[in-house]
Amino acid sequence: MANAFAGPLLGAEGEPVSSLMVVDFDDQAHVQKWLATAPFTRNGLLHQVDVQLFQNRWPQKTGFPEA
């Protein structure tokens, strides 16, 4: 995992309702290996994990990888 950012998704009153993690891996096999060993998935902290491909098309800011 080279680059990542994460944080809570908030409801209308500012309460956390879910989480979002954007991570950069070379391929699906590396994602699955990371998920299998990550404490938050191994210990049942997350109820559901959805993996989606993502292509960042927003202008890059300091600290984020180039597109």
N, C-alpha and C. Protein backbone atom coordinates (compact mmCIF):
# COMPACT_ATOMS: atom_id res chain seq x y z
N MET A 1 0.86 -1.18 0.00
CA MET A 1 0.00 0.00 0.00
C MET A 1 0.90 1.23 0.00
N ALA A 2 0.84 1.99 -1.06
CA ALA A 2 1.70 3.16 -1.18
C ALA A 2 1.05 4.41 -0.61
N ASN A 3 -0.20 4.65 -0.91
CA ASN A 3 -0.88 5.86 -0.48
C ASN A 3 -2.27 5.52 0.01
N ALA A 4 -2.73 6.28 0.99
CA ALA A 4 -4.06 6.02 1.53
C ALA A 4 -4.59 7.26 2.23
N PHE A 5 -5.90 7.35 2.30
CA PHE A 5 -6.55 8.29 3.20
C PHE A 5 -7.85 7.66 3.65
N ALA A 6 -8.32 8.06 4.81
CA ALA A 6 -9.51 7.44 5.39
C ALA A 6 -10.18 8.41 6.36
N GLY A 7 -11.43 8.12 6.65
CA GLY A 7 -12.15 8.91 7.63
C GLY A 7 -13.60 8.49 7.69
N PRO A 8 -14.33 9.05 8.65
CA PRO A 8 -15.74 8.69 8.80
C PRO A 8 -16.61 9.37 7.76
N LEU A 9 -17.68 8.69 7.37
CA LEU A 9 -18.76 9.30 6.60
C LEU A 9 -19.78 9.76 7.63
N LEU A 10 -20.27 10.99 7.49
CA LEU A 10 -21.10 11.59 8.52
C LEU A 10 -22.55 11.72 8.08
N GLY A 11 -23.46 11.57 9.06
CA GLY A 11 -24.87 11.78 8.83
C GLY A 11 -25.22 13.26 8.88
N ALA A 12 -26.50 13.57 8.76
CA ALA A 12 -26.98 14.95 8.70
C ALA A 12 -26.63 15.75 9.95
N GLU A 13 -26.53 15.09 11.09
CA GLU A 13 -26.22 15.76 12.35
C GLU A 13 -24.74 15.71 12.69
N GLY A 14 -23.93 15.22 11.76
CA GLY A 14 -22.49 15.14 12.00
C GLY A 14 -22.04 13.87 12.68
N GLU A 15 -22.96 12.93 12.89
CA GLU A 15 -22.62 11.67 13.55
C GLU A 15 -22.00 10.70 12.55
N PRO A 16 -21.02 9.91 12.99
CA PRO A 16 -20.43 8.93 12.07
C PRO A 16 -21.45 7.84 11.72
N VAL A 17 -21.60 7.56 10.43
CA VAL A 17 -22.53 6.53 9.98
C VAL A 17 -21.83 5.39 9.24
N SER A 18 -20.60 5.63 8.83
CA SER A 18 -19.82 4.62 8.11
C SER A 18 -18.39 5.11 8.02
N SER A 19 -17.57 4.40 7.26
CA SER A 19 -16.18 4.80 7.06
C SER A 19 -15.82 4.68 5.59
N LEU A 20 -14.83 5.46 5.19
CA LEU A 20 -14.31 5.41 3.83
C LEU A 20 -12.80 5.28 3.90
N MET A 21 -12.27 4.32 3.17
CA MET A 21 -10.82 4.17 3.04
C MET A 21 -10.50 4.12 1.56
N VAL A 22 -9.58 4.94 1.13
CA VAL A 22 -9.08 4.90 -0.25
C VAL A 22 -7.62 4.51 -0.16
N VAL A 23 -7.29 3.36 -0.71
CA VAL A 23 -5.93 2.83 -0.63
C VAL A 23 -5.45 2.47 -2.03
N ASP A 24 -4.16 2.49 -2.20
CA ASP A 24 -3.55 2.25 -3.51
C ASP A 24 -2.79 0.93 -3.48
N PHE A 25 -3.23 -0.03 -4.29
CA PHE A 25 -2.57 -1.33 -4.41
C PHE A 25 -2.29 -1.63 -5.87
N ASP A 26 -1.32 -2.51 -6.10
CA ASP A 26 -0.97 -2.88 -7.46
C ASP A 26 -2.04 -3.72 -8.14
N ASP A 27 -2.72 -4.58 -7.37
CA ASP A 27 -3.72 -5.45 -7.96
C ASP A 27 -4.65 -6.00 -6.88
N GLN A 28 -5.70 -6.70 -7.32
CA GLN A 28 -6.71 -7.24 -6.42
C GLN A 28 -6.13 -8.24 -5.42
N ALA A 29 -5.14 -9.01 -5.83
CA ALA A 29 -4.52 -9.99 -4.93
C ALA A 29 -3.89 -9.29 -3.72
N HIS A 30 -3.24 -8.16 -3.94
CA HIS A 30 -2.65 -7.42 -2.83
C HIS A 30 -3.73 -6.84 -1.90
N VAL A 31 -4.83 -6.40 -2.48
CA VAL A 31 -5.95 -5.90 -1.68
C VAL A 31 -6.46 -7.01 -0.77
N GLN A 32 -6.72 -8.18 -1.33
CA GLN A 32 -7.27 -9.30 -0.55
C GLN A 32 -6.30 -9.75 0.54
N LYS A 33 -5.01 -9.77 0.24
CA LYS A 33 -4.01 -10.15 1.25
C LYS A 33 -4.01 -9.14 2.39
N TRP A 34 -4.06 -7.85 2.06
CA TRP A 34 -4.08 -6.81 3.08
C TRP A 34 -5.34 -6.91 3.94
N LEU A 35 -6.50 -7.10 3.31
CA LEU A 35 -7.75 -7.23 4.06
C LEU A 35 -7.75 -8.45 4.97
N ALA A 36 -7.14 -9.54 4.52
CA ALA A 36 -7.11 -10.77 5.32
C ALA A 36 -6.27 -10.62 6.58
N THR A 37 -5.31 -9.70 6.56
CA THR A 37 -4.42 -9.56 7.72
C THR A 37 -4.65 -8.27 8.50
N ALA A 38 -5.48 -7.38 8.00
CA ALA A 38 -5.71 -6.10 8.69
C ALA A 38 -6.50 -6.33 9.98
N PRO A 39 -6.08 -5.72 11.09
CA PRO A 39 -6.76 -5.93 12.37
C PRO A 39 -8.25 -5.59 12.34
N PHE A 40 -8.65 -4.55 11.61
CA PHE A 40 -10.06 -4.16 11.61
C PHE A 40 -10.95 -5.17 10.90
N THR A 41 -10.42 -5.96 9.98
CA THR A 41 -11.23 -7.01 9.36
C THR A 41 -11.07 -8.33 10.11
N ARG A 42 -9.87 -8.65 10.54
CA ARG A 42 -9.64 -9.89 11.28
C ARG A 42 -10.43 -9.93 12.58
N ASN A 43 -10.54 -8.80 13.25
CA ASN A 43 -11.20 -8.75 14.56
C ASN A 43 -12.67 -8.37 14.49
N GLY A 44 -13.23 -8.30 13.29
CA GLY A 44 -14.66 -8.07 13.14
C GLY A 44 -15.11 -6.65 13.42
N LEU A 45 -14.21 -5.68 13.37
CA LEU A 45 -14.58 -4.29 13.63
C LEU A 45 -15.53 -3.75 12.56
N LEU A 46 -15.32 -4.17 11.32
CA LEU A 46 -16.18 -3.70 10.23
C LEU A 46 -17.24 -4.74 9.91
N HIS A 47 -18.47 -4.28 9.78
CA HIS A 47 -19.59 -5.16 9.46
C HIS A 47 -19.56 -5.60 8.00
N GLN A 48 -19.13 -4.71 7.13
CA GLN A 48 -19.13 -4.98 5.69
C GLN A 48 -17.95 -4.25 5.06
N VAL A 49 -17.31 -4.90 4.11
CA VAL A 49 -16.21 -4.29 3.35
C VAL A 49 -16.54 -4.42 1.87
N ASP A 50 -16.60 -3.29 1.18
CA ASP A 50 -16.82 -3.27 -0.27
C ASP A 50 -15.56 -2.75 -0.93
N VAL A 51 -15.08 -3.45 -1.94
CA VAL A 51 -13.88 -3.04 -2.67
C VAL A 51 -14.30 -2.60 -4.07
N GLN A 52 -13.91 -1.38 -4.43
CA GLN A 52 -14.23 -0.82 -5.74
C GLN A 52 -12.98 -0.21 -6.34
N LEU A 53 -12.86 -0.27 -7.65
CA LEU A 53 -11.80 0.47 -8.34
C LEU A 53 -12.15 1.95 -8.30
N PHE A 54 -11.12 2.78 -8.26
CA PHE A 54 -11.32 4.23 -8.17
C PHE A 54 -10.29 4.91 -9.05
N GLN A 55 -10.73 5.90 -9.80
CA GLN A 55 -9.81 6.69 -10.61
C GLN A 55 -9.98 8.15 -10.20
N ASN A 56 -8.93 8.71 -9.60
CA ASN A 56 -8.99 10.09 -9.14
C ASN A 56 -8.80 11.04 -10.32
N ARG A 57 -9.78 11.87 -10.57
CA ARG A 57 -9.70 12.84 -11.66
C ARG A 57 -9.70 14.28 -11.14
N TRP A 58 -9.58 14.42 -9.84
CA TRP A 58 -9.55 15.74 -9.22
C TRP A 58 -8.12 16.26 -9.23
N PRO A 59 -7.91 17.58 -9.40
CA PRO A 59 -6.54 18.10 -9.37
C PRO A 59 -5.82 17.69 -8.08
N GLN A 60 -4.58 17.29 -8.22
CA GLN A 60 -3.82 16.76 -7.09
C GLN A 60 -3.36 17.88 -6.17
N LYS A 61 -3.44 17.62 -4.88
CA LYS A 61 -2.97 18.54 -3.84
C LYS A 61 -1.73 17.95 -3.19
N THR A 62 -1.07 18.74 -2.40
CA THR A 62 0.14 18.30 -1.71
C THR A 62 -0.15 17.05 -0.89
N GLY A 63 0.72 16.05 -1.01
CA GLY A 63 0.58 14.83 -0.23
C GLY A 63 -0.18 13.72 -0.93
N PHE A 64 -0.80 14.02 -2.06
CA PHE A 64 -1.52 13.01 -2.80
C PHE A 64 -0.70 12.59 -4.02
N PRO A 65 -0.82 11.34 -4.44
CA PRO A 65 -0.04 10.89 -5.60
C PRO A 65 -0.52 11.55 -6.89
N GLU A 66 0.38 11.69 -7.83
CA GLU A 66 0.01 12.22 -9.14
C GLU A 66 -0.92 11.23 -9.84
N ALA A 67 -1.83 11.73 -10.64
CA ALA A 67 -2.78 10.87 -11.35
C ALA A 67 -2.08 10.08 -12.43
